[in-house]
Amino acid sequence: MKPVLEGELQLPVKPRTAWMGNRLMAGRFVLRAGLLAALMAGSVVGDSQPVFAEHWAHWRGPLGNGSAAPDAQPATEFSGTKNVAWKVELPGRGSGSPVVWRDRVFAVSAVPAADGTPKKLEFKTFCYARKDGRLLWEATAVEAVPHEGTHSTNGYASASPCTDGERVYSHFGSRGLFCYTLDGKLVWKREDFGPMRTRNSFGEGSSPTLADGLILVPWDHEGPSFLYALDKLTGKTVWKTSREEPTCWATPLVVNAGGTRQVVMNGQNFARAYDLASGAELWKCDGQTERPAASAVADGGLIFVMSGFRGSFLGAFRPEGRGDLRGTANVAWTLDRDTPDIASPLISQGRLYFYKGKSGVLTCLDTRTGKPHYQAQRIPGVNSTYASPVAAGGHVYLTDRNGTITVIKDGPTLEVVATNAVGEPIDATPAPEGRDLFLRSERSLICIRH
């Protein structure tokens, strides 16, 4: 598994037309966005609001890369009853991950309508007390019959909410984007994006991202595709950039590079970066496989973009480049095997973790060089994955769709610490914060605490 170095971009052969695919959706999907991508080293650095680094306020955590704050120390051993602080039934269906702000936990769901109308759903946001799981409030954004179907493994509330500590934002795709106060009062809403037409009616799932007073809303589908930047206080469009991309389920990543704030997006045709202030395209590079879903991550001055359906691709890019990066020194290294399909990668302590396809086969690379610490290793209890790996307290948490969460050491050598069975299917990415680990299962919201 030798990476290709310094601009020698090797491109997988891939058709650009029909996507037959077996789809996905995942808690992962939901896509990602990390409240901002406050990265701790190299030219890719933090956001202008470092307080976010204290909270798991977006589905990929405070750094936008799946790693929790340094003081996080969640339990490594648990079950459906052991170390369970509380567990509440979460009505409806959704694979959006929970997010946390101080004493509150937020989750979204699509719930069958109370009036019994067939296929009609209530799109809801729930707020729970972190201490004991009490429901503090719930808000119905809209009631609607979805305009198209979705994959059997995907529901209609797959995007994770996000919060800046003053407001919470719930994105229900074609149903709109809704902004609430932390007490559940509707501040504004946008319901004018139109219907999204996804590949093979696989469904929606990209999560929005907050950065610099903006909320970034990805809109890649089988019609005209865009990336929106909205004023987070009013919901008004600040800029809107056209994207020549088919359906994609990735979430935007915001980074600093050479003094420029960039928005990085995955895509089937190109990985691309845009100027955060204006929406202008800064750089792009092809090489992706079909229907990419994994979200970009960054560390040590490099951006990592990958895909793993009908092929395999990982590109490590230097974001200071401009224009088409193919064949230039701004492609630091690439890899053409064992990359993820659904789940997004994890970066922790200069290590890049990712699954092979939708399996639990795990690889860990050095982010700077692409050299493997270990590669394509089977993880006990983890066979089928949608949720993305997360790191906290010196450990990495790996979630199987059947509800098994295997904990390994966060280090260059694979060492299994514990294999935990929650007893309920899980597609949503866990949210570790402090001594808590929040799990959104198929039926419940669970707080693991020790």
Protein backbone atom coordinates (compact mmCIF):
# COMPACT_ATOMS: atom_id res chain seq x y z
CA MET A 1 0.00 0.00 0.00
CA LYS A 2 2.56 2.52 -1.13
CA PRO A 3 1.27 6.09 -1.49
CA VAL A 4 2.05 8.05 -4.64
CA LEU A 5 4.11 11.10 -3.76
CA GLU A 6 4.54 14.67 -4.94
CA GLY A 7 2.02 15.36 -7.62
CA GLU A 8 2.01 11.92 -9.23
CA LEU A 9 -1.76 11.75 -9.13
CA GLN A 10 -2.99 8.34 -10.24
CA LEU A 11 -6.59 8.42 -11.33
CA PRO A 12 -8.91 5.46 -11.07
CA VAL A 13 -10.86 4.54 -14.17
CA LYS A 14 -14.50 5.41 -13.61
CA PRO A 15 -17.59 6.00 -15.65
CA ARG A 16 -19.11 9.43 -15.22
CA THR A 17 -22.59 8.43 -16.18
CA ALA A 18 -24.87 5.98 -14.52
CA TRP A 19 -24.42 5.43 -10.86
CA MET A 20 -26.04 2.19 -10.09
CA GLY A 21 -25.07 2.05 -6.63
CA ASN A 22 -26.16 0.64 -3.58
CA ARG A 23 -26.76 3.58 -1.46
CA LEU A 24 -26.17 4.52 1.74
CA MET A 25 -26.85 7.21 3.95
CA ALA A 26 -25.41 7.11 7.12
CA GLY A 27 -25.35 8.85 10.24
CA ARG A 28 -22.24 9.74 8.69
CA PHE A 29 -23.70 11.23 5.89
CA VAL A 30 -25.23 13.47 7.51
CA LEU A 31 -22.60 14.87 6.75
CA ARG A 32 -20.24 16.51 8.46
CA ALA A 33 -19.24 19.89 8.46
CA GLY A 34 -17.45 20.53 11.53
CA LEU A 35 -18.41 23.65 12.92
CA LEU A 36 -15.52 24.83 11.54
CA ALA A 37 -12.44 23.09 11.20
CA ALA A 38 -10.29 24.49 13.89
CA LEU A 39 -7.20 22.47 13.26
CA MET A 40 -4.31 22.60 15.56
CA ALA A 41 -1.20 22.42 13.42
CA GLY A 42 0.36 23.46 10.14
CA SER A 43 -1.10 25.96 7.69
CA VAL A 44 -4.58 24.57 8.26
CA VAL A 45 -5.58 26.15 11.53
CA GLY A 46 -8.55 27.04 13.66
CA ASP A 47 -11.67 29.10 13.36
CA SER A 48 -12.05 32.65 14.57
CA GLN A 49 -14.36 31.45 17.36
CA PRO A 50 -12.26 28.97 19.36
CA VAL A 51 -14.99 28.51 21.98
CA PHE A 52 -16.48 25.95 19.60
CA ALA A 53 -13.56 23.68 20.41
CA GLU A 54 -15.15 23.07 23.81
CA HIS A 55 -18.29 21.46 22.41
CA TRP A 56 -19.42 18.70 20.06
CA ALA A 57 -21.61 21.20 18.23
CA HIS A 58 -21.49 19.59 14.80
CA TRP A 59 -21.55 16.01 13.61
CA ARG A 60 -17.76 15.81 13.04
CA GLY A 61 -16.97 17.53 16.30
CA PRO A 62 -15.20 20.73 17.36
CA LEU A 63 -12.24 20.32 14.98
CA GLY A 64 -14.25 19.14 12.00
CA ASN A 65 -12.20 15.94 11.86
CA GLY A 66 -13.95 13.55 14.27
CA SER A 67 -11.79 14.32 17.32
CA ALA A 68 -13.23 15.51 20.62
CA ALA A 69 -11.83 18.27 22.82
CA PRO A 70 -8.67 17.32 24.76
CA ASP A 71 -10.54 17.00 28.07
CA ALA A 72 -12.99 14.40 26.76
CA GLN A 73 -12.78 11.11 28.66
CA PRO A 74 -15.84 8.99 27.82
CA ALA A 75 -16.24 5.43 29.00
CA THR A 76 -14.57 2.69 26.99
CA GLU A 77 -16.72 -0.12 28.40
CA PHE A 78 -20.53 -0.04 28.24
CA SER A 79 -23.59 -1.90 27.00
CA GLY A 80 -27.33 -1.37 26.74
CA THR A 81 -27.38 -1.06 30.54
CA LYS A 82 -23.79 -0.70 31.79
CA ASN A 83 -22.64 2.91 32.21
CA VAL A 84 -25.94 4.16 30.77
CA ALA A 85 -26.74 7.48 32.47
CA TRP A 86 -30.02 7.78 30.63
CA LYS A 87 -31.89 6.53 27.61
CA VAL A 88 -34.95 8.09 26.01
CA GLU A 89 -37.12 7.01 23.14
CA LEU A 90 -36.55 9.19 20.10
CA PRO A 91 -39.68 9.07 17.95
CA GLY A 92 -39.61 8.73 14.19
CA ARG A 93 -36.59 7.95 12.08
CA GLY A 94 -33.32 9.68 11.34
CA SER A 95 -29.58 9.11 11.15
CA GLY A 96 -28.53 12.66 11.91
CA SER A 97 -26.09 12.63 14.82
CA PRO A 98 -26.79 14.39 18.13
CA VAL A 99 -24.94 17.63 18.91
CA VAL A 100 -24.14 19.07 22.33
CA TRP A 101 -23.90 22.54 23.81
CA ARG A 102 -23.17 22.73 27.55
CA ASP A 103 -26.24 21.33 29.30
CA ARG A 104 -28.28 20.60 26.16
CA VAL A 105 -28.36 17.85 23.56
CA PHE A 106 -30.09 18.32 20.21
CA ALA A 107 -31.39 15.71 17.76
CA VAL A 108 -33.64 15.68 14.70
CA SER A 109 -36.15 13.17 13.38
CA ALA A 110 -38.87 12.63 10.78
CA VAL A 111 -41.95 11.46 12.66
CA PRO A 112 -45.16 10.01 11.14
CA ALA A 113 -47.81 12.73 11.15
CA ALA A 114 -50.19 12.75 14.10
CA ASP A 115 -53.21 13.06 11.79
CA GLY A 116 -52.42 9.69 10.24
CA THR A 117 -52.04 10.92 6.66
CA PRO A 118 -50.12 8.21 4.75
CA LYS A 119 -46.46 9.10 4.05
CA LYS A 120 -46.87 12.48 5.73
CA LEU A 121 -44.07 13.35 8.16
CA GLU A 122 -43.46 15.91 10.86
CA PHE A 123 -39.87 17.18 10.69
CA LYS A 124 -38.85 17.77 14.28
CA THR A 125 -36.01 19.09 16.42
CA PHE A 126 -35.70 17.80 19.99
CA CYS A 127 -33.76 19.32 22.88
CA TYR A 128 -32.87 17.21 25.91
CA ALA A 129 -31.28 18.02 29.25
CA ARG A 130 -27.77 16.64 29.19
CA LYS A 131 -27.84 15.67 32.85
CA ASP A 132 -30.85 13.37 32.89
CA GLY A 133 -32.36 13.20 29.39
CA ARG A 134 -35.48 15.24 30.20
CA LEU A 135 -37.19 16.62 27.09
CA LEU A 136 -36.83 20.39 27.32
CA TRP A 137 -38.60 21.21 24.07
CA GLU A 138 -39.51 19.92 20.66
CA ALA A 139 -40.32 21.94 17.56
CA THR A 140 -42.02 20.87 14.35
CA ALA A 141 -40.39 22.68 11.43
CA VAL A 142 -42.85 21.54 8.79
CA GLU A 143 -45.30 18.76 7.94
CA ALA A 144 -44.92 17.33 4.45
CA VAL A 145 -45.18 14.30 2.21
CA PRO A 146 -41.69 13.84 0.70
CA HIS A 147 -41.58 14.45 -3.04
CA GLU A 148 -39.55 11.30 -3.73
CA GLY A 149 -38.57 8.09 -2.02
CA THR A 150 -35.36 7.20 -0.22
CA HIS A 151 -33.09 4.20 0.15
CA SER A 152 -34.29 1.54 2.58
CA THR A 153 -31.36 2.32 4.89
CA ASN A 154 -31.96 6.06 4.81
CA GLY A 155 -34.72 8.16 6.31
CA TYR A 156 -35.72 11.79 5.83
CA ALA A 157 -33.76 13.32 8.72
CA SER A 158 -30.18 12.34 7.90
CA ALA A 159 -28.50 15.72 8.23
CA SER A 160 -27.16 16.53 11.68
CA PRO A 161 -28.12 19.79 13.36
CA CYS A 162 -25.42 22.27 14.39
CA THR A 163 -25.20 25.07 16.92
CA ASP A 164 -23.05 28.08 17.77
CA GLY A 165 -24.28 28.29 21.37
CA GLU A 166 -26.84 30.97 20.53
CA ARG A 167 -28.94 29.21 17.93
CA VAL A 168 -29.45 25.69 16.68
CA TYR A 169 -29.85 24.96 12.96
CA SER A 170 -31.82 21.99 11.63
CA HIS A 171 -31.50 21.09 7.96
CA PHE A 172 -34.19 18.89 6.44
CA GLY A 173 -32.97 19.17 2.86
CA SER A 174 -35.84 19.75 0.46
CA ARG A 175 -38.08 20.67 3.39
CA GLY A 176 -35.80 23.57 4.31
CA LEU A 177 -33.36 24.97 6.87
CA PHE A 178 -34.69 26.12 10.24
CA CYS A 179 -33.01 28.32 12.84
CA TYR A 180 -34.11 28.19 16.51
CA THR A 181 -32.97 29.78 19.74
CA LEU A 182 -31.58 27.34 22.28
CA ASP A 183 -35.00 27.53 23.95
CA GLY A 184 -36.80 26.39 20.80
CA LYS A 185 -38.15 29.66 19.41
CA LEU A 186 -38.10 29.82 15.61
CA VAL A 187 -35.85 32.69 14.45
CA TRP A 188 -35.97 32.21 10.68
CA LYS A 189 -36.51 29.54 8.05
CA ARG A 190 -35.62 28.94 4.40
CA GLU A 191 -38.02 26.75 2.46
CA ASP A 192 -37.20 27.99 -1.04
CA PHE A 193 -34.35 25.67 -2.06
CA GLY A 194 -36.76 23.55 -4.07
CA PRO A 195 -36.99 19.74 -4.29
CA MET A 196 -33.72 17.84 -4.38
CA ARG A 197 -33.63 14.98 -6.89
CA THR A 198 -31.09 12.46 -5.66
CA ARG A 199 -29.43 9.68 -7.62
CA ASN A 200 -31.75 6.68 -7.79
CA SER A 201 -33.91 8.36 -5.12
CA PHE A 202 -31.31 7.38 -2.55
CA GLY A 203 -32.32 10.31 -0.35
CA GLU A 204 -30.63 13.33 1.18
CA GLY A 205 -28.09 13.73 3.95
CA SER A 206 -25.46 16.48 3.71
CA SER A 207 -25.13 18.55 6.89
CA PRO A 208 -24.58 22.32 6.92
CA THR A 209 -21.48 23.97 8.39
CA LEU A 210 -21.11 27.14 10.46
CA ALA A 211 -18.16 29.50 9.96
CA ASP A 212 -17.51 33.25 10.23
CA GLY A 213 -21.13 34.30 10.58
CA LEU A 214 -22.23 32.06 7.69
CA ILE A 215 -24.05 28.77 7.46
CA LEU A 216 -22.93 26.76 4.44
CA VAL A 217 -25.57 24.59 2.77
CA PRO A 218 -24.46 22.01 0.17
CA TRP A 219 -26.97 21.29 -2.58
CA ASP A 220 -25.61 18.62 -4.94
CA HIS A 221 -28.24 16.57 -6.74
CA GLU A 222 -29.43 15.48 -10.19
CA GLY A 223 -30.62 18.98 -11.03
CA PRO A 224 -28.68 22.27 -10.86
CA SER A 225 -26.23 21.94 -7.98
CA PHE A 226 -25.01 24.76 -5.72
CA LEU A 227 -23.17 25.64 -2.56
CA TYR A 228 -25.03 28.29 -0.53
CA ALA A 229 -23.61 30.64 2.06
CA LEU A 230 -26.36 32.18 4.20
CA ASP A 231 -26.19 34.84 6.89
CA LYS A 232 -26.59 32.77 10.03
CA LEU A 233 -28.54 35.56 11.78
CA THR A 234 -31.13 36.13 9.06
CA GLY A 235 -30.98 33.21 6.64
CA LYS A 236 -30.46 35.55 3.69
CA THR A 237 -28.18 34.43 0.86
CA VAL A 238 -24.71 35.97 1.01
CA TRP A 239 -23.44 34.04 -2.00
CA LYS A 240 -24.46 31.07 -4.11
CA THR A 241 -21.94 29.16 -6.22
CA SER A 242 -22.87 26.80 -9.04
CA ARG A 243 -21.37 23.30 -8.88
CA GLU A 244 -21.16 21.01 -11.89
CA GLU A 245 -21.67 17.94 -9.75
CA PRO A 246 -24.26 15.15 -9.48
CA THR A 247 -25.62 13.96 -6.16
CA CYS A 248 -23.08 14.03 -3.34
CA TRP A 249 -23.65 13.54 0.37
CA ALA A 250 -20.52 15.18 1.77
CA THR A 251 -20.47 18.14 4.14
CA PRO A 252 -18.30 21.26 3.70
CA LEU A 253 -15.02 21.65 5.57
CA VAL A 254 -13.71 25.15 6.40
CA VAL A 255 -9.95 25.67 6.72
CA ASN A 256 -7.34 28.42 6.79
CA ALA A 257 -4.63 28.25 4.14
CA GLY A 258 -2.12 31.02 3.57
CA GLY A 259 -4.42 33.57 5.15
CA THR A 260 -7.41 32.53 3.03
CA ARG A 261 -10.52 30.93 4.48
CA GLN A 262 -11.48 28.04 2.21
CA VAL A 263 -14.54 25.83 1.92
CA VAL A 264 -13.58 22.33 0.76
CA MET A 265 -16.15 20.05 -0.84
CA ASN A 266 -16.00 16.51 -2.13
CA GLY A 267 -17.58 15.78 -5.50
CA GLN A 268 -17.78 13.07 -8.15
CA ASN A 269 -16.16 15.23 -10.82
CA PHE A 270 -13.73 17.19 -8.66
CA ALA A 271 -12.68 17.87 -5.11
CA ARG A 272 -12.93 21.66 -4.92
CA ALA A 273 -12.21 24.59 -2.66
CA TYR A 274 -14.00 27.94 -2.59
CA ASP A 275 -13.20 31.31 -1.07
CA LEU A 276 -15.31 31.58 2.08
CA ALA A 277 -15.81 35.32 1.64
CA SER A 278 -16.97 35.28 -1.99
CA GLY A 279 -17.74 31.72 -3.09
CA ALA A 280 -15.17 31.91 -5.91
CA GLU A 281 -13.55 28.60 -6.83
CA LEU A 282 -9.88 28.48 -5.75
CA TRP A 283 -8.72 25.00 -6.78
CA LYS A 284 -9.96 21.63 -7.93
CA CYS A 285 -8.66 18.14 -8.64
CA ASP A 286 -10.32 15.09 -10.17
CA GLY A 287 -9.69 11.44 -9.42
CA GLN A 288 -12.75 10.58 -7.35
CA THR A 289 -14.76 7.40 -7.73
CA GLU A 290 -18.52 7.33 -8.22
CA ARG A 291 -21.00 9.00 -5.87
CA PRO A 292 -18.56 10.12 -3.16
CA ALA A 293 -20.06 10.56 0.28
CA ALA A 294 -17.14 10.94 2.71
CA SER A 295 -16.42 14.48 3.88
CA ALA A 296 -13.01 16.10 3.70
CA VAL A 297 -10.72 16.45 6.73
CA ALA A 298 -7.51 18.43 7.25
CA ASP A 299 -4.33 18.35 9.29
CA GLY A 300 -0.78 19.70 9.17
CA GLY A 301 -1.30 21.88 6.12
CA LEU A 302 -2.98 19.16 4.04
CA ILE A 303 -6.57 18.51 2.95
CA PHE A 304 -7.68 14.87 2.62
CA VAL A 305 -10.49 13.97 0.23
CA MET A 306 -11.51 10.39 -0.48
CA SER A 307 -14.11 8.05 -1.95
CA GLY A 308 -14.55 4.30 -2.13
CA PHE A 309 -17.44 3.10 -4.32
CA ARG A 310 -16.52 1.32 -7.56
CA GLY A 311 -12.91 2.20 -7.06
CA SER A 312 -10.76 3.78 -4.40
CA PHE A 313 -9.20 7.22 -4.09
CA LEU A 314 -7.52 9.33 -1.44
CA GLY A 315 -5.88 12.64 -2.32
CA ALA A 316 -3.78 14.73 0.07
CA PHE A 317 -3.82 18.31 -1.23
CA ARG A 318 -1.90 21.45 -0.35
CA PRO A 319 -4.64 24.12 -0.24
CA GLU A 320 -2.30 26.98 -1.20
CA GLY A 321 -2.54 25.82 -4.82
CA ARG A 322 -4.82 27.43 -7.38
CA GLY A 323 -6.61 26.16 -10.45
CA ASP A 324 -6.40 22.50 -11.45
CA LEU A 325 -4.01 20.72 -9.05
CA ARG A 326 -3.69 17.55 -11.09
CA GLY A 327 -0.05 16.66 -11.70
CA THR A 328 1.29 19.51 -9.57
CA ALA A 329 3.30 19.59 -6.36
CA ASN A 330 0.11 20.65 -4.58
CA VAL A 331 -0.94 17.01 -4.71
CA ALA A 332 1.22 15.82 -1.81
CA TRP A 333 0.33 12.14 -2.10
CA THR A 334 -2.47 9.83 -3.22
CA LEU A 335 -3.69 6.33 -2.48
CA ASP A 336 -5.83 3.93 -4.52
CA ARG A 337 -6.97 1.24 -2.10
CA ASP A 338 -9.06 0.54 1.03
CA THR A 339 -10.78 3.95 1.16
CA PRO A 340 -14.24 4.60 2.68
CA ASP A 341 -17.56 4.65 0.91
CA ILE A 342 -20.01 6.03 3.46
CA ALA A 343 -18.19 6.89 6.66
CA SER A 344 -15.96 9.95 6.76
CA PRO A 345 -12.33 9.61 7.88
CA LEU A 346 -10.96 10.55 11.28
CA ILE A 347 -7.81 12.54 12.08
CA SER A 348 -6.22 12.36 15.52
CA GLN A 349 -2.65 13.14 16.58
CA GLY A 350 -1.34 13.16 13.01
CA ARG A 351 -3.00 9.85 12.18
CA LEU A 352 -5.65 9.34 9.49
CA TYR A 353 -8.13 6.53 10.18
CA PHE A 354 -10.64 5.21 7.64
CA TYR A 355 -12.66 2.13 6.74
CA LYS A 356 -12.57 0.17 3.52
CA GLY A 357 -15.86 0.72 1.72
CA LYS A 358 -18.77 0.09 4.09
CA SER A 359 -16.88 -2.59 6.01
CA GLY A 360 -15.12 -2.47 9.36
CA VAL A 361 -11.72 -3.04 7.75
CA LEU A 362 -9.59 -0.23 9.18
CA THR A 363 -6.48 1.58 7.93
CA CYS A 364 -4.35 4.08 9.86
CA LEU A 365 -1.87 6.32 7.98
CA ASP A 366 0.58 9.05 8.86
CA THR A 367 -1.08 12.24 7.59
CA ARG A 368 2.18 13.87 6.50
CA THR A 369 3.60 11.05 4.40
CA GLY A 370 0.72 8.68 3.73
CA LYS A 371 2.77 5.78 5.06
CA PRO A 372 0.70 3.16 6.91
CA HIS A 373 0.90 2.52 10.62
CA TYR A 374 -1.34 -0.44 9.81
CA GLN A 375 -3.58 -1.23 6.88
CA ALA A 376 -6.81 -3.09 6.08
CA GLN A 377 -7.14 -4.62 9.56
CA ARG A 378 -10.35 -6.37 10.58
CA ILE A 379 -11.90 -5.03 13.77
CA PRO A 380 -13.74 -7.50 16.03
CA GLY A 381 -17.45 -6.79 16.14
CA VAL A 382 -17.36 -4.25 13.29
CA ASN A 383 -18.44 -5.54 9.89
CA SER A 384 -20.82 -3.00 8.36
CA THR A 385 -20.36 0.74 8.86
CA TYR A 386 -22.28 3.94 8.19
CA ALA A 387 -21.29 5.95 11.29
CA SER A 388 -17.90 7.64 11.14
CA PRO A 389 -15.09 6.87 13.60
CA VAL A 390 -14.50 9.34 16.44
CA ALA A 391 -11.59 9.90 18.83
CA ALA A 392 -11.68 10.92 22.48
CA GLY A 393 -9.52 10.42 25.56
CA GLY A 394 -6.78 8.49 23.78
CA HIS A 395 -9.23 6.06 22.16
CA VAL A 396 -11.00 5.60 18.84
CA TYR A 397 -14.66 4.48 18.76
CA LEU A 398 -15.71 2.31 15.80
CA THR A 399 -19.45 1.73 15.31
CA ASP A 400 -21.11 -1.17 13.52
CA ARG A 401 -24.62 -0.79 12.12
CA ASN A 402 -25.81 -3.55 14.48
CA GLY A 403 -25.02 -1.39 17.52
CA THR A 404 -21.61 -2.81 18.42
CA ILE A 405 -19.03 -0.16 19.28
CA THR A 406 -15.45 -1.38 19.41
CA VAL A 407 -12.92 0.83 21.18
CA ILE A 408 -9.25 0.78 20.16
CA LYS A 409 -6.20 2.67 21.35
CA ASP A 410 -5.59 5.94 19.51
CA GLY A 411 -2.06 5.11 18.45
CA PRO A 412 0.19 3.77 15.69
CA THR A 413 -0.37 0.14 16.75
CA LEU A 414 -3.77 -1.53 16.58
CA GLU A 415 -4.84 -2.48 20.10
CA VAL A 416 -8.45 -3.41 20.89
CA VAL A 417 -9.58 -2.12 24.29
CA ALA A 418 -13.23 -3.21 24.43
CA THR A 419 -16.10 -4.46 22.30
CA ASN A 420 -19.46 -3.09 23.45
CA ALA A 421 -22.95 -4.15 22.34
CA VAL A 422 -25.62 -1.47 22.80
CA GLY A 423 -28.42 -3.75 21.60
CA GLU A 424 -29.92 -1.36 19.02
CA PRO A 425 -28.88 -0.60 15.43
CA ILE A 426 -26.82 2.59 15.00
CA ASP A 427 -26.16 4.53 11.79
CA ALA A 428 -25.49 7.92 13.38
CA THR A 429 -22.00 9.01 14.38
CA PRO A 430 -21.47 9.09 18.19
CA ALA A 431 -20.87 12.42 19.93
CA PRO A 432 -18.22 12.31 22.70
CA GLU A 433 -17.95 15.27 25.06
CA GLY A 434 -16.44 15.38 28.54
CA ARG A 435 -17.27 12.11 30.32
CA ASP A 436 -20.30 11.54 28.11
CA LEU A 437 -20.78 9.60 24.89
CA PHE A 438 -24.09 10.32 23.14
CA LEU A 439 -25.50 7.65 20.83
CA ARG A 440 -28.42 8.01 18.48
CA SER A 441 -29.71 4.52 17.77
CA GLU A 442 -32.58 3.46 15.56
CA ARG A 443 -35.05 4.01 18.41
CA SER A 444 -33.32 5.93 21.17
CA LEU A 445 -31.01 8.69 22.31
CA ILE A 446 -28.55 7.23 24.81
CA CYS A 447 -26.08 8.91 27.16
CA ILE A 448 -23.13 6.72 28.19
CA ARG A 449 -21.42 8.11 31.31
CA HIS A 450 -18.93 6.83 33.86
